[in-house]
Amino acid sequence: MKAQNNMIQFYYIPQFLGKIWFVFFLLSCHFHAYAQQIVPLSLLNTNNLWSIIEYDGSFSPDHLYPTLKTTWLKVEGDTILNSVAYKIAWSSTGKNHESWEIDNFMREGDGKIFYKTVQEPEMLLYDFSLQEKDTFVFYRDHIPLVTHIDSIKDITLNDSTYKAFFVSNYKKEDPGFRYTEIIIEGIGSLNGLFRKSCALYTGCYQNSSLTCFYQDDTQLYQSPDYNKCYYDSVIINNTLTNSLLKEIKVYPNPSEGKFYVQVGNNLDDYTCKVFDIAGNQVQSFTIKNSYKTEINLVGTKPGVYLLQVVNRNRFGVVKLLMR
């Protein structure tokens, strides 16, 4: 694959700075008023190739930290499911993506992208026909979720103009807690092309990111958070600069059974899991808005437990001493 000189190239910097830098770039370079007429770009182009990095938070006594692993995605071929025509989406985990497996099925029409698996019903994945300030409600697992189109801007990549959607997502019953996402027409979300069991943009909060995007073998995008497009089960350890370790507060520690944990100071979700020393999961919970959260181990055996905290590709592991 080739990368042209006019490709937008991002250099590796810590994630929180990368996101700020990228948003600043979008707002300050190549952007102009959305009033310009743009020719819609097909996301399901057979010449598109996505590199998606996923964060595996699985735990074992010999594997305390998450791993980074890349999945390549492409769209190729057609099929009919329930009398509806779909494109076939394929995935590959090899560095040179030599072998491919069917992942799901997708179709587009009227600016909308739909996603489906063999077992699951069709879901609306993207709606590029929406306008600025549009707000709509959809449901995931019977939970009402809201997506608000904050703004729509134009961005030029390799002489092609794309619409970039800046959106915020929140639960209907908790409008104060929002998380944002950038979606580019013809490319998809910067959190990854799709997430299984998710609908409409973020919809759910999973640990994945778009690392690179190619069209016609030309690289058009590289994430500012990573310095390459492929990672093969790379173990993240607490020496990385984006570790959450310094932001995790646990007290009292040691404890007779009740601990309190607080992470960071921003409006974000932190996935937490507690394991015993044998690697068995004891508890799991989510910290929202940096609220203080109780860990109650009363009734469990005294000893050492491990608290694992993950936020996108940031993480930290803290020992809990149970007396």
C-alpha atoms as a PDB file:
ATOM      1  CA  MET A   1       0.000   0.000   0.000  1.00  0.00           C
ATOM      2  CA  LYS A   2       1.300   3.467  -0.818  1.00  0.00           C
ATOM      3  CA  ALA A   3       1.014   6.724   1.067  1.00  0.00           C
ATOM      4  CA  GLN A   4       0.977   9.843  -1.080  1.00  0.00           C
ATOM      5  CA  ASN A   5       2.794  13.001  -0.053  1.00  0.00           C
ATOM      6  CA  ASN A   6      -0.460  14.888   0.458  1.00  0.00           C
ATOM      7  CA  MET A   7      -1.801  12.315   2.898  1.00  0.00           C
ATOM      8  CA  ILE A   8      -2.807  13.753   6.230  1.00  0.00           C
ATOM      9  CA  GLN A   9      -0.079  12.277   8.466  1.00  0.00           C
ATOM     10  CA  PHE A  10      -0.437  12.276  12.237  1.00  0.00           C
ATOM     11  CA  TYR A  11       2.494  11.628  14.514  1.00  0.00           C
ATOM     12  CA  TYR A  12       2.307   9.652  17.741  1.00  0.00           C
ATOM     13  CA  ILE A  13       1.353  11.692  20.777  1.00  0.00           C
ATOM     14  CA  PRO A  14      -0.583  10.705  23.906  1.00  0.00           C
ATOM     15  CA  GLN A  15      -4.257   9.997  23.241  1.00  0.00           C
ATOM     16  CA  PHE A  16      -5.806  12.881  25.138  1.00  0.00           C
ATOM     17  CA  LEU A  17      -3.534  15.335  23.285  1.00  0.00           C
ATOM     18  CA  GLY A  18      -4.118  13.505  20.017  1.00  0.00           C
ATOM     19  CA  LYS A  19      -7.875  13.934  20.190  1.00  0.00           C
ATOM     20  CA  ILE A  20      -7.529  17.638  21.034  1.00  0.00           C
ATOM     21  CA  TRP A  21      -5.004  18.113  18.257  1.00  0.00           C
ATOM     22  CA  PHE A  22      -7.167  16.343  15.703  1.00  0.00           C
ATOM     23  CA  VAL A  23     -10.262  18.375  16.591  1.00  0.00           C
ATOM     24  CA  PHE A  24      -8.191  21.570  16.359  1.00  0.00           C
ATOM     25  CA  PHE A  25      -6.923  20.428  12.979  1.00  0.00           C
ATOM     26  CA  LEU A  26     -10.418  19.776  11.692  1.00  0.00           C
ATOM     27  CA  LEU A  27     -11.588  23.184  12.844  1.00  0.00           C
ATOM     28  CA  SER A  28      -8.596  25.148  11.556  1.00  0.00           C
ATOM     29  CA  CYS A  29      -7.461  23.423   8.349  1.00  0.00           C
ATOM     30  CA  HIS A  30      -9.364  22.582   5.178  1.00  0.00           C
ATOM     31  CA  PHE A  31     -12.690  23.353   6.852  1.00  0.00           C
ATOM     32  CA  HIS A  32     -15.259  25.783   5.533  1.00  0.00           C
ATOM     33  CA  ALA A  33     -18.970  26.382   5.871  1.00  0.00           C
ATOM     34  CA  TYR A  34     -21.188  23.372   5.323  1.00  0.00           C
ATOM     35  CA  ALA A  35     -23.204  25.358   2.785  1.00  0.00           C
ATOM     36  CA  GLN A  36     -20.991  24.017  -0.001  1.00  0.00           C
ATOM     37  CA  GLN A  37     -22.534  21.261  -2.082  1.00  0.00           C
ATOM     38  CA  ILE A  38     -20.763  17.948  -1.499  1.00  0.00           C
ATOM     39  CA  VAL A  39     -21.079  14.830  -3.612  1.00  0.00           C
ATOM     40  CA  PRO A  40     -22.014  11.949  -1.236  1.00  0.00           C
ATOM     41  CA  LEU A  41     -19.210   9.411  -0.858  1.00  0.00           C
ATOM     42  CA  SER A  42     -19.909   5.693  -0.577  1.00  0.00           C
ATOM     43  CA  LEU A  43     -18.705   4.122   2.650  1.00  0.00           C
ATOM     44  CA  LEU A  44     -19.207   0.640   1.200  1.00  0.00           C
ATOM     45  CA  ASN A  45     -16.625   1.100  -1.537  1.00  0.00           C
ATOM     46  CA  THR A  46     -14.833  -2.154  -2.385  1.00  0.00           C
ATOM     47  CA  ASN A  47     -11.568  -0.196  -2.595  1.00  0.00           C
ATOM     48  CA  ASN A  48     -11.774   0.911   1.054  1.00  0.00           C
ATOM     49  CA  LEU A  49      -9.666  -0.706   3.773  1.00  0.00           C
ATOM     50  CA  TRP A  50      -9.945   0.021   7.497  1.00  0.00           C
ATOM     51  CA  SER A  51      -7.449  -0.760  10.251  1.00  0.00           C
ATOM     52  CA  ILE A  52      -9.254  -0.973  13.606  1.00  0.00           C
ATOM     53  CA  ILE A  53      -7.391  -1.365  16.882  1.00  0.00           C
ATOM     54  CA  GLU A  54      -9.191  -3.093  19.734  1.00  0.00           C
ATOM     55  CA  TYR A  55      -8.313  -3.202  23.404  1.00  0.00           C
ATOM     56  CA  ASP A  56      -8.608  -6.621  25.009  1.00  0.00           C
ATOM     57  CA  GLY A  57      -9.122  -6.239  28.741  1.00  0.00           C
ATOM     58  CA  SER A  58      -9.161  -9.966  29.515  1.00  0.00           C
ATOM     59  CA  PHE A  59      -7.219 -10.921  32.618  1.00  0.00           C
ATOM     60  CA  SER A  60      -5.059 -13.752  33.889  1.00  0.00           C
ATOM     61  CA  PRO A  61      -2.414 -13.891  36.611  1.00  0.00           C
ATOM     62  CA  ASP A  62       0.267 -13.639  33.914  1.00  0.00           C
ATOM     63  CA  HIS A  63      -1.580 -10.969  31.954  1.00  0.00           C
ATOM     64  CA  LEU A  64      -2.446  -8.018  34.174  1.00  0.00           C
ATOM     65  CA  TYR A  65      -2.822  -5.471  31.411  1.00  0.00           C
ATOM     66  CA  PRO A  66      -4.904  -5.115  28.253  1.00  0.00           C
ATOM     67  CA  THR A  67      -3.520  -5.877  24.808  1.00  0.00           C
ATOM     68  CA  LEU A  68      -3.723  -4.044  21.508  1.00  0.00           C
ATOM     69  CA  LYS A  69      -4.757  -6.075  18.477  1.00  0.00           C
ATOM     70  CA  THR A  70      -5.573  -4.936  14.950  1.00  0.00           C
ATOM     71  CA  THR A  71      -8.467  -6.064  12.788  1.00  0.00           C
ATOM     72  CA  TRP A  72      -8.555  -5.175   9.096  1.00  0.00           C
ATOM     73  CA  LEU A  73     -11.957  -4.631   7.486  1.00  0.00           C
ATOM     74  CA  LYS A  74     -13.083  -4.481   3.888  1.00  0.00           C
ATOM     75  CA  VAL A  75     -16.329  -4.729   1.909  1.00  0.00           C
ATOM     76  CA  GLU A  76     -16.442  -7.087  -1.051  1.00  0.00           C
ATOM     77  CA  GLY A  77     -19.150  -9.128  -2.747  1.00  0.00           C
ATOM     78  CA  ASP A  78     -22.931  -9.216  -2.493  1.00  0.00           C
ATOM     79  CA  THR A  79     -25.518 -11.471  -0.904  1.00  0.00           C
ATOM     80  CA  ILE A  80     -29.267 -11.649  -0.245  1.00  0.00           C
ATOM     81  CA  LEU A  81     -30.646 -12.013   3.298  1.00  0.00           C
ATOM     82  CA  ASN A  82     -34.405 -12.104   3.859  1.00  0.00           C
ATOM     83  CA  SER A  83     -34.927 -10.756   0.337  1.00  0.00           C
ATOM     84  CA  VAL A  84     -32.688  -7.740   1.058  1.00  0.00           C
ATOM     85  CA  ALA A  85     -29.427  -7.100  -0.825  1.00  0.00           C
ATOM     86  CA  TYR A  86     -26.300  -6.578   1.312  1.00  0.00           C
ATOM     87  CA  LYS A  87     -22.599  -6.042   0.817  1.00  0.00           C
ATOM     88  CA  ILE A  88     -20.380  -8.557   2.628  1.00  0.00           C
ATOM     89  CA  ALA A  89     -18.008  -7.127   5.251  1.00  0.00           C
ATOM     90  CA  TRP A  90     -14.845  -9.162   5.815  1.00  0.00           C
ATOM     91  CA  SER A  91     -12.274  -9.099   8.633  1.00  0.00           C
ATOM     92  CA  SER A  92      -8.654 -10.212   8.896  1.00  0.00           C
ATOM     93  CA  THR A  93      -6.187 -10.179  11.801  1.00  0.00           C
ATOM     94  CA  GLY A  94      -2.997 -10.915   9.864  1.00  0.00           C
ATOM     95  CA  LYS A  95      -0.385  -8.207   9.395  1.00  0.00           C
ATOM     96  CA  ASN A  96      -0.670  -8.430   5.617  1.00  0.00           C
ATOM     97  CA  HIS A  97      -4.339  -9.521   5.774  1.00  0.00           C
ATOM     98  CA  GLU A  98      -3.735 -12.636   3.700  1.00  0.00           C
ATOM     99  CA  SER A  99      -6.846 -14.524   4.857  1.00  0.00           C
ATOM    100  CA  TRP A 100     -10.324 -13.101   5.382  1.00  0.00           C
ATOM    101  CA  GLU A 101     -13.454 -14.215   7.211  1.00  0.00           C
ATOM    102  CA  ILE A 102     -17.017 -12.986   6.825  1.00  0.00           C
ATOM    103  CA  ASP A 103     -17.774 -10.588   9.674  1.00  0.00           C
ATOM    104  CA  ASN A 104     -21.180  -9.074   8.929  1.00  0.00           C
ATOM    105  CA  PHE A 105     -23.379  -7.639   6.210  1.00  0.00           C
ATOM    106  CA  MET A 106     -23.974  -3.988   5.362  1.00  0.00           C
ATOM    107  CA  ARG A 107     -26.072  -1.940   2.994  1.00  0.00           C
ATOM    108  CA  GLU A 108     -26.571   1.749   2.275  1.00  0.00           C
ATOM    109  CA  GLY A 109     -29.372   3.901   0.933  1.00  0.00           C
ATOM    110  CA  ASP A 110     -30.595   7.489   1.257  1.00  0.00           C
ATOM    111  CA  GLY A 111     -27.492   8.429   3.210  1.00  0.00           C
ATOM    112  CA  LYS A 112     -28.006   5.652   5.764  1.00  0.00           C
ATOM    113  CA  ILE A 113     -25.730   2.685   6.510  1.00  0.00           C
ATOM    114  CA  PHE A 114     -27.300  -0.495   7.903  1.00  0.00           C
ATOM    115  CA  TYR A 115     -25.524  -3.331   9.706  1.00  0.00           C
ATOM    116  CA  LYS A 116     -26.580  -6.947  10.238  1.00  0.00           C
ATOM    117  CA  THR A 117     -25.294 -10.367  11.227  1.00  0.00           C
ATOM    118  CA  VAL A 118     -26.800 -13.739  10.386  1.00  0.00           C
ATOM    119  CA  GLN A 119     -28.340 -14.060  13.851  1.00  0.00           C
ATOM    120  CA  GLU A 120     -29.118 -10.425  14.700  1.00  0.00           C
ATOM    121  CA  PRO A 121     -31.721  -8.134  13.136  1.00  0.00           C
ATOM    122  CA  GLU A 122     -30.679  -5.207  11.009  1.00  0.00           C
ATOM    123  CA  MET A 123     -29.534  -2.051  12.831  1.00  0.00           C
ATOM    124  CA  LEU A 124     -29.039   1.497  11.625  1.00  0.00           C
ATOM    125  CA  LEU A 125     -25.320   2.205  11.931  1.00  0.00           C
ATOM    126  CA  TYR A 126     -24.927   5.693  10.412  1.00  0.00           C
ATOM    127  CA  ASP A 127     -27.279   8.344   9.065  1.00  0.00           C
ATOM    128  CA  PHE A 128     -25.402  10.868   6.956  1.00  0.00           C
ATOM    129  CA  SER A 129     -28.639  12.603   5.900  1.00  0.00           C
ATOM    130  CA  LEU A 130     -28.918  14.294   9.307  1.00  0.00           C
ATOM    131  CA  GLN A 131     -28.433  18.042   9.658  1.00  0.00           C
ATOM    132  CA  GLU A 132     -26.733  20.195  12.256  1.00  0.00           C
ATOM    133  CA  LYS A 133     -28.565  20.382  15.603  1.00  0.00           C
ATOM    134  CA  ASP A 134     -30.680  17.316  14.814  1.00  0.00           C
ATOM    135  CA  THR A 135     -31.420  15.231  17.894  1.00  0.00           C
ATOM    136  CA  PHE A 136     -32.989  11.798  17.867  1.00  0.00           C
ATOM    137  CA  VAL A 137     -33.635   8.950  20.256  1.00  0.00           C
ATOM    138  CA  PHE A 138     -32.898   5.282  19.611  1.00  0.00           C
ATOM    139  CA  TYR A 139     -32.830   2.211  21.816  1.00  0.00           C
ATOM    140  CA  ARG A 140     -30.084  -0.245  22.692  1.00  0.00           C
ATOM    141  CA  ASP A 141     -30.979  -3.100  25.027  1.00  0.00           C
ATOM    142  CA  HIS A 142     -34.228  -1.241  25.774  1.00  0.00           C
ATOM    143  CA  ILE A 143     -32.247   1.774  27.037  1.00  0.00           C
ATOM    144  CA  PRO A 144     -33.151   5.126  25.405  1.00  0.00           C
ATOM    145  CA  LEU A 145     -30.028   6.769  23.985  1.00  0.00           C
ATOM    146  CA  VAL A 146     -29.803  10.190  22.377  1.00  0.00           C
ATOM    147  CA  THR A 147     -27.481  11.385  19.615  1.00  0.00           C
ATOM    148  CA  HIS A 148     -27.142  15.108  18.979  1.00  0.00           C
ATOM    149  CA  ILE A 149     -25.477  16.448  15.829  1.00  0.00           C
ATOM    150  CA  ASP A 150     -23.396  19.264  17.305  1.00  0.00           C
ATOM    151  CA  SER A 151     -21.930  20.432  13.998  1.00  0.00           C
ATOM    152  CA  ILE A 152     -21.055  19.317  10.470  1.00  0.00           C
ATOM    153  CA  LYS A 153     -17.861  20.514   8.784  1.00  0.00           C
ATOM    154  CA  ASP A 154     -16.033  19.784   5.530  1.00  0.00           C
ATOM    155  CA  ILE A 155     -12.623  18.165   5.408  1.00  0.00           C
ATOM    156  CA  THR A 156     -10.376  17.537   2.396  1.00  0.00           C
ATOM    157  CA  LEU A 157      -8.422  14.289   2.246  1.00  0.00           C
ATOM    158  CA  ASN A 158      -6.315  13.603  -0.831  1.00  0.00           C
ATOM    159  CA  ASP A 159      -8.299  16.084  -2.977  1.00  0.00           C
ATOM    160  CA  SER A 160     -11.661  14.575  -1.928  1.00  0.00           C
ATOM    161  CA  THR A 161     -14.135  16.442   0.281  1.00  0.00           C
ATOM    162  CA  TYR A 162     -15.789  14.604   3.158  1.00  0.00           C
ATOM    163  CA  LYS A 163     -18.455  15.643   5.632  1.00  0.00           C
ATOM    164  CA  ALA A 164     -17.301  15.343   9.247  1.00  0.00           C
ATOM    165  CA  PHE A 165     -20.040  14.949  11.871  1.00  0.00           C
ATOM    166  CA  PHE A 166     -19.290  16.085  15.412  1.00  0.00           C
ATOM    167  CA  VAL A 167     -21.825  14.317  17.623  1.00  0.00           C
ATOM    168  CA  SER A 168     -22.505  13.887  21.326  1.00  0.00           C
ATOM    169  CA  ASN A 169     -24.219  10.861  22.834  1.00  0.00           C
ATOM    170  CA  TYR A 170     -25.978  10.477  26.147  1.00  0.00           C
ATOM    171  CA  LYS A 171     -28.618   8.484  27.965  1.00  0.00           C
ATOM    172  CA  LYS A 172     -32.046  10.068  27.897  1.00  0.00           C
ATOM    173  CA  GLU A 173     -32.366   9.967  31.672  1.00  0.00           C
ATOM    174  CA  ASP A 174     -28.898  11.469  32.186  1.00  0.00           C
ATOM    175  CA  PRO A 175     -28.404  14.328  29.672  1.00  0.00           C
ATOM    176  CA  GLY A 176     -25.624  15.865  31.760  1.00  0.00           C
ATOM    177  CA  PHE A 177     -23.218  13.020  30.974  1.00  0.00           C
ATOM    178  CA  ARG A 178     -22.192  13.105  27.311  1.00  0.00           C
ATOM    179  CA  TYR A 179     -19.378  11.653  25.288  1.00  0.00           C
ATOM    180  CA  THR A 180     -18.417  12.912  21.866  1.00  0.00           C
ATOM    181  CA  GLU A 181     -17.463  11.258  18.621  1.00  0.00           C
ATOM    182  CA  ILE A 182     -16.318  12.284  15.146  1.00  0.00           C
ATOM    183  CA  ILE A 183     -17.793  10.471  12.138  1.00  0.00           C
ATOM    184  CA  ILE A 184     -16.562  11.090   8.588  1.00  0.00           C
ATOM    185  CA  GLU A 185     -18.845  10.307   5.666  1.00  0.00           C
ATOM    186  CA  GLY A 186     -17.273   7.679   3.436  1.00  0.00           C
ATOM    187  CA  ILE A 187     -14.936   6.539   6.239  1.00  0.00           C
ATOM    188  CA  GLY A 188     -17.033   6.055   9.378  1.00  0.00           C
ATOM    189  CA  SER A 189     -16.404   6.738  13.048  1.00  0.00           C
ATOM    190  CA  LEU A 190     -12.959   7.514  14.424  1.00  0.00           C
ATOM    191  CA  ASN A 191     -13.878   4.992  17.126  1.00  0.00           C
ATOM    192  CA  GLY A 192     -13.955   2.261  14.470  1.00  0.00           C
ATOM    193  CA  LEU A 193     -16.149   1.453  11.491  1.00  0.00           C
ATOM    194  CA  PHE A 194     -18.642  -0.493  13.596  1.00  0.00           C
ATOM    195  CA  ARG A 195     -18.945  -2.108  16.987  1.00  0.00           C
ATOM    196  CA  LYS A 196     -20.794  -5.367  17.395  1.00  0.00           C
ATOM    197  CA  SER A 197     -24.171  -5.069  19.131  1.00  0.00           C
ATOM    198  CA  CYS A 198     -24.081  -1.297  18.785  1.00  0.00           C
ATOM    199  CA  ALA A 199     -26.298   0.952  16.737  1.00  0.00           C
ATOM    200  CA  LEU A 200     -25.983   4.520  15.551  1.00  0.00           C
ATOM    201  CA  TYR A 201     -22.609   6.098  16.049  1.00  0.00           C
ATOM    202  CA  THR A 202     -21.228   5.459  19.522  1.00  0.00           C
ATOM    203  CA  GLY A 203     -24.399   3.902  20.886  1.00  0.00           C
ATOM    204  CA  CYS A 204     -22.230   2.026  23.343  1.00  0.00           C
ATOM    205  CA  TYR A 205     -18.841   2.672  24.779  1.00  0.00           C
ATOM    206  CA  GLN A 206     -16.391   0.100  23.515  1.00  0.00           C
ATOM    207  CA  ASN A 207     -12.621   0.149  23.407  1.00  0.00           C
ATOM    208  CA  SER A 208     -11.785   0.476  19.726  1.00  0.00           C
ATOM    209  CA  SER A 209     -10.379   3.145  17.415  1.00  0.00           C
ATOM    210  CA  LEU A 210      -9.840   3.697  13.723  1.00  0.00           C
ATOM    211  CA  THR A 211      -6.071   3.444  13.273  1.00  0.00           C
ATOM    212  CA  CYS A 212      -5.703   3.877   9.511  1.00  0.00           C
ATOM    213  CA  PHE A 213      -7.876   4.206   6.428  1.00  0.00           C
ATOM    214  CA  TYR A 214      -6.906   3.370   2.852  1.00  0.00           C
ATOM    215  CA  GLN A 215      -8.686   3.975  -0.422  1.00  0.00           C
ATOM    216  CA  ASP A 216      -7.383   2.536  -3.701  1.00  0.00           C
ATOM    217  CA  ASP A 217      -4.248   1.397  -1.820  1.00  0.00           C
ATOM    218  CA  THR A 218      -3.520   4.987  -0.794  1.00  0.00           C
ATOM    219  CA  GLN A 219      -3.408   5.824   2.909  1.00  0.00           C
ATOM    220  CA  LEU A 220      -5.652   8.807   3.637  1.00  0.00           C
ATOM    221  CA  TYR A 221      -5.740   8.770   7.449  1.00  0.00           C
ATOM    222  CA  GLN A 222      -3.610   7.702  10.385  1.00  0.00           C
ATOM    223  CA  SER A 223      -4.698   8.112  14.005  1.00  0.00           C
ATOM    224  CA  PRO A 224      -2.672  10.586  16.077  1.00  0.00           C
ATOM    225  CA  ASP A 225      -2.735   8.060  18.940  1.00  0.00           C
ATOM    226  CA  TYR A 226      -0.662   5.383  17.171  1.00  0.00           C
ATOM    227  CA  ASN A 227       2.540   5.376  15.156  1.00  0.00           C
ATOM    228  CA  LYS A 228       1.657   2.421  12.945  1.00  0.00           C
ATOM    229  CA  CYS A 229      -1.399   0.700  11.449  1.00  0.00           C
ATOM    230  CA  TYR A 230      -0.930  -2.821  12.797  1.00  0.00           C
ATOM    231  CA  TYR A 231      -0.527  -4.227  16.308  1.00  0.00           C
ATOM    232  CA  ASP A 232      -0.487  -7.968  17.023  1.00  0.00           C
ATOM    233  CA  SER A 233      -1.520  -8.644  20.644  1.00  0.00           C
ATOM    234  CA  VAL A 234       0.870  -6.043  22.005  1.00  0.00           C
ATOM    235  CA  ILE A 235       0.754  -6.109  25.807  1.00  0.00           C
ATOM    236  CA  ILE A 236       0.235  -2.684  27.291  1.00  0.00           C
ATOM    237  CA  ASN A 237       2.110  -2.148  30.525  1.00  0.00           C
ATOM    238  CA  ASN A 238       2.092   0.564  33.121  1.00  0.00           C
ATOM    239  CA  THR A 239       5.227   2.220  31.761  1.00  0.00           C
ATOM    240  CA  LEU A 240       3.244   3.850  28.943  1.00  0.00           C
ATOM    241  CA  THR A 241       2.610   7.572  29.240  1.00  0.00           C
ATOM    242  CA  ASN A 242      -1.154   7.148  28.784  1.00  0.00           C
ATOM    243  CA  SER A 243      -1.529   4.883  31.839  1.00  0.00           C
ATOM    244  CA  LEU A 244      -4.391   5.621  34.217  1.00  0.00           C
ATOM    245  CA  LEU A 245      -2.348   4.436  37.162  1.00  0.00           C
ATOM    246  CA  LYS A 246      -1.600   7.925  38.501  1.00  0.00           C
ATOM    247  CA  GLU A 247      -5.273   8.923  38.234  1.00  0.00           C
ATOM    248  CA  ILE A 248      -6.694   6.021  40.259  1.00  0.00           C
ATOM    249  CA  LYS A 249      -7.377   6.766  43.903  1.00  0.00           C
ATOM    250  CA  VAL A 250      -8.259   3.825  46.180  1.00  0.00           C
ATOM    251  CA  TYR A 251      -8.848   4.237  49.908  1.00  0.00           C
ATOM    252  CA  PRO A 252      -8.625   2.875  52.507  1.00  0.00           C
ATOM    253  CA  ASN A 253      -6.086   0.343  51.304  1.00  0.00           C
ATOM    254  CA  PRO A 254      -5.570  -2.057  53.150  1.00  0.00           C
ATOM    255  CA  SER A 255      -9.197  -2.408  54.184  1.00  0.00           C
ATOM    256  CA  GLU A 256     -11.449  -4.733  56.153  1.00  0.00           C
ATOM    257  CA  GLY A 257     -13.584  -5.175  53.030  1.00  0.00           C
ATOM    258  CA  LYS A 258     -14.870  -1.811  51.788  1.00  0.00           C
ATOM    259  CA  PHE A 259     -12.771   0.234  49.381  1.00  0.00           C
ATOM    260  CA  TYR A 260     -13.602   3.460  47.546  1.00  0.00           C
ATOM    261  CA  VAL A 261     -12.240   4.194  44.087  1.00  0.00           C
ATOM    262  CA  GLN A 262     -12.227   7.423  42.088  1.00  0.00           C
ATOM    263  CA  VAL A 263     -10.623   7.985  38.684  1.00  0.00           C
ATOM    264  CA  GLY A 264      -9.700  11.209  36.923  1.00  0.00           C
ATOM    265  CA  ASN A 265     -11.799  14.341  36.875  1.00  0.00           C
ATOM    266  CA  ASN A 266     -13.640  14.301  33.543  1.00  0.00           C
ATOM    267  CA  LEU A 267     -17.020  13.232  32.202  1.00  0.00           C
ATOM    268  CA  ASP A 268     -16.145   9.786  30.984  1.00  0.00           C
ATOM    269  CA  ASP A 269     -16.798   6.092  31.575  1.00  0.00           C
ATOM    270  CA  TYR A 270     -14.253   3.807  33.260  1.00  0.00           C
ATOM    271  CA  THR A 271     -14.757   0.040  33.101  1.00  0.00           C
ATOM    272  CA  CYS A 272     -13.592  -1.609  36.319  1.00  0.00           C
ATOM    273  CA  LYS A 273     -13.057  -5.270  37.198  1.00  0.00           C
ATOM    274  CA  VAL A 274     -11.836  -6.883  40.418  1.00  0.00           C
ATOM    275  CA  PHE A 275      -9.960 -10.204  40.263  1.00  0.00           C
ATOM    276  CA  ASP A 276      -8.610 -12.511  42.919  1.00  0.00           C
ATOM    277  CA  ILE A 277      -4.995 -13.595  42.730  1.00  0.00           C
ATOM    278  CA  ALA A 278      -5.985 -16.725  40.753  1.00  0.00           C
ATOM    279  CA  GLY A 279      -7.463 -14.575  37.988  1.00  0.00           C
ATOM    280  CA  ASN A 280     -11.133 -15.163  38.825  1.00  0.00           C
ATOM    281  CA  GLN A 281     -13.348 -12.127  38.324  1.00  0.00           C
ATOM    282  CA  VAL A 282     -15.007 -11.092  41.573  1.00  0.00           C
ATOM    283  CA  GLN A 283     -16.786  -7.891  40.566  1.00  0.00           C
ATOM    284  CA  SER A 284     -17.308  -5.584  37.588  1.00  0.00           C
ATOM    285  CA  PHE A 285     -18.743  -2.086  37.479  1.00  0.00           C
ATOM    286  CA  THR A 286     -18.536   1.231  35.647  1.00  0.00           C
ATOM    287  CA  ILE A 287     -17.462   4.565  37.081  1.00  0.00           C
ATOM    288  CA  LYS A 288     -19.255   7.538  35.513  1.00  0.00           C
ATOM    289  CA  ASN A 289     -18.348  11.217  35.786  1.00  0.00           C
ATOM    290  CA  SER A 290     -15.434  10.355  38.103  1.00  0.00           C
ATOM    291  CA  TYR A 291     -17.905   9.677  40.930  1.00  0.00           C
ATOM    292  CA  LYS A 292     -16.568   7.920  44.021  1.00  0.00           C
ATOM    293  CA  THR A 293     -17.602   4.261  43.807  1.00  0.00           C
ATOM    294  CA  GLU A 294     -17.616   1.647  46.553  1.00  0.00           C
ATOM    295  CA  ILE A 295     -15.988  -1.762  46.174  1.00  0.00           C
ATOM    296  CA  ASN A 296     -17.495  -4.113  48.740  1.00  0.00           C
ATOM    297  CA  LEU A 297     -15.436  -7.255  49.330  1.00  0.00           C
ATOM    298  CA  VAL A 298     -16.969  -8.026  52.709  1.00  0.00           C
ATOM    299  CA  GLY A 299     -17.449 -11.778  52.971  1.00  0.00           C
ATOM    300  CA  THR A 300     -14.603 -12.658  50.624  1.00  0.00           C
ATOM    301  CA  LYS A 301     -11.346 -14.260  51.740  1.00  0.00           C
ATOM    302  CA  PRO A 302      -8.597 -11.970  53.038  1.00  0.00           C
ATOM    303  CA  GLY A 303      -5.684 -11.548  50.667  1.00  0.00           C
ATOM    304  CA  VAL A 304      -4.579  -9.650  47.558  1.00  0.00           C
ATOM    305  CA  TYR A 305      -7.060  -8.596  44.867  1.00  0.00           C
ATOM    306  CA  LEU A 306      -6.413  -6.694  41.653  1.00  0.00           C
ATOM    307  CA  LEU A 307      -8.507  -3.753  40.452  1.00  0.00           C
ATOM    308  CA  GLN A 308      -8.283  -3.247  36.684  1.00  0.00           C
ATOM    309  CA  VAL A 309      -9.508   0.099  35.272  1.00  0.00           C
ATOM    310  CA  VAL A 310      -9.839   0.656  31.503  1.00  0.00           C
ATOM    311  CA  ASN A 311     -10.823   3.762  29.543  1.00  0.00           C
ATOM    312  CA  ARG A 312     -10.446   3.313  25.789  1.00  0.00           C
ATOM    313  CA  ASN A 313      -6.720   2.476  25.467  1.00  0.00           C
ATOM    314  CA  ARG A 314      -5.816   3.888  28.881  1.00  0.00           C
ATOM    315  CA  PHE A 315      -5.645   1.584  31.837  1.00  0.00           C
ATOM    316  CA  GLY A 316      -4.284   0.934  35.272  1.00  0.00           C
ATOM    317  CA  VAL A 317      -4.060  -1.960  37.731  1.00  0.00           C
ATOM    318  CA  VAL A 318      -4.042  -1.443  41.511  1.00  0.00           C
ATOM    319  CA  LYS A 319      -3.546  -4.045  44.234  1.00  0.00           C
ATOM    320  CA  LEU A 320      -6.283  -4.194  46.881  1.00  0.00           C
ATOM    321  CA  LEU A 321      -5.194  -5.576  50.245  1.00  0.00           C
ATOM    322  CA  MET A 322      -8.069  -7.293  52.065  1.00  0.00           C
ATOM    323  CA  ARG A 323      -7.365  -7.888  55.769  1.00  0.00           C
END
